[in-house]
Amino acid sequence: MSFVAVSEGTGTAEDYAAMSRALEQAGVAKPLLPSARPVEGGRFRVINVWDSQADVDAAVQVARQYMRSLGLQSSGEDAALKRTINPVYRLVVNAQ
């Protein structure tokens, strides 16, 4: 079963690229469907569809380690990044 993770926090496209490099260097599987963009208030939103819960768990673990290495709170109420993870019932990609 696939899972969708929606993450939002302070950051920039450069921060997103750095996090993506950290995930790749750690050998984390790439998301099936990645999406990222800046949103209001100097925040950045990432929406990824992952192949499995194990892939999500691996990405979250590496992301938390990376954030802690930068001195950022990685979980709890004061976390620099808020995340929701939900199973995907149906996913249709309309490619041209």
Protein backbone atom coordinates (compact mmCIF):
# COMPACT_ATOMS: atom_id res chain seq x y z
CA MET A 1 0.00 0.00 0.00
CA SER A 2 1.22 3.48 -0.86
CA PHE A 3 1.36 6.36 1.61
CA VAL A 4 1.20 10.13 1.19
CA ALA A 5 3.30 12.34 3.44
CA VAL A 6 2.57 16.07 3.64
CA SER A 7 5.31 18.09 5.34
CA GLU A 8 5.41 21.82 5.91
CA GLY A 9 7.91 24.02 7.68
CA THR A 10 10.14 27.01 7.41
CA GLY A 11 12.62 26.67 4.60
CA THR A 12 13.57 27.37 1.04
CA ALA A 13 14.09 25.48 -2.19
CA GLU A 14 17.76 25.24 -1.23
CA ASP A 15 16.82 23.64 2.11
CA TYR A 16 14.61 21.15 0.25
CA ALA A 17 17.46 20.31 -2.12
CA ALA A 18 19.84 19.77 0.82
CA MET A 19 17.35 17.46 2.54
CA SER A 20 16.85 15.56 -0.72
CA ARG A 21 20.62 15.06 -1.00
CA ALA A 22 20.77 13.79 2.59
CA LEU A 23 18.01 11.26 1.83
CA GLU A 24 19.76 10.13 -1.36
CA GLN A 25 23.14 9.80 0.37
CA ALA A 26 21.51 7.66 3.07
CA GLY A 27 20.13 5.32 0.41
CA VAL A 28 16.47 6.10 1.09
CA ALA A 29 14.12 5.07 -1.71
CA LYS A 30 12.85 7.97 -3.79
CA PRO A 31 9.15 8.82 -3.56
CA LEU A 32 6.91 7.57 -6.34
CA LEU A 33 5.51 11.06 -6.77
CA PRO A 34 7.41 14.04 -5.31
CA SER A 35 6.03 17.58 -5.12
CA ALA A 36 7.49 20.63 -3.38
CA ARG A 37 6.77 24.35 -3.41
CA PRO A 38 7.01 27.50 -1.36
CA VAL A 39 3.82 28.59 0.42
CA GLU A 40 2.73 31.71 2.30
CA GLY A 41 4.68 32.96 5.27
CA GLY A 42 8.14 31.88 4.17
CA ARG A 43 7.21 28.24 4.48
CA PHE A 44 7.81 25.28 2.21
CA ARG A 45 5.40 22.38 1.59
CA VAL A 46 6.43 18.92 0.40
CA ILE A 47 3.91 16.29 -0.70
CA ASN A 48 5.38 12.87 -1.44
CA VAL A 49 3.70 9.60 -2.32
CA TRP A 50 5.78 6.65 -1.09
CA ASP A 51 5.62 3.02 -2.15
CA SER A 52 5.37 1.65 1.40
CA GLN A 53 5.26 2.49 5.08
CA ALA A 54 8.85 1.23 5.34
CA ASP A 55 9.96 3.83 2.77
CA VAL A 56 8.18 6.58 4.72
CA ASP A 57 9.73 5.43 7.99
CA ALA A 58 13.23 5.41 6.48
CA ALA A 59 12.77 8.91 5.04
CA VAL A 60 11.41 10.27 8.33
CA GLN A 61 14.30 8.77 10.29
CA VAL A 62 16.93 10.32 8.00
CA ALA A 63 15.06 13.65 7.90
CA ARG A 64 15.01 13.79 11.72
CA GLN A 65 18.75 13.02 11.92
CA TYR A 66 19.49 15.68 9.31
CA MET A 67 17.37 18.28 11.11
CA ARG A 68 19.04 17.53 14.46
CA SER A 69 22.45 17.94 12.78
CA LEU A 70 21.34 21.50 11.93
CA GLY A 71 20.18 22.13 15.49
CA LEU A 72 16.49 22.04 14.55
CA GLN A 73 13.76 20.44 16.64
CA SER A 74 12.64 17.38 14.66
CA SER A 75 9.54 16.27 16.57
CA GLY A 76 6.94 17.47 19.07
CA GLU A 77 4.98 20.71 19.28
CA ASP A 78 8.01 22.90 18.57
CA ALA A 79 9.21 20.91 15.57
CA ALA A 80 10.54 22.96 12.65
CA LEU A 81 8.61 20.65 10.32
CA LYS A 82 5.02 19.43 10.70
CA ARG A 83 4.12 16.18 8.94
CA THR A 84 1.03 14.06 8.31
CA ILE A 85 1.18 10.56 6.84
CA ASN A 86 -1.83 8.69 5.46
CA PRO A 87 -2.42 5.54 3.43
CA VAL A 88 -3.45 6.04 -0.18
CA TYR A 89 -6.62 4.26 -1.19
CA ARG A 90 -6.34 5.09 -4.90
CA LEU A 91 -3.74 6.95 -6.94
CA VAL A 92 -4.18 7.80 -10.59
CA VAL A 93 -1.49 9.72 -12.46
CA ASN A 94 -2.66 11.20 -15.73
CA ALA A 95 0.52 11.32 -17.78
CA GLN A 96 0.51 12.83 -21.23
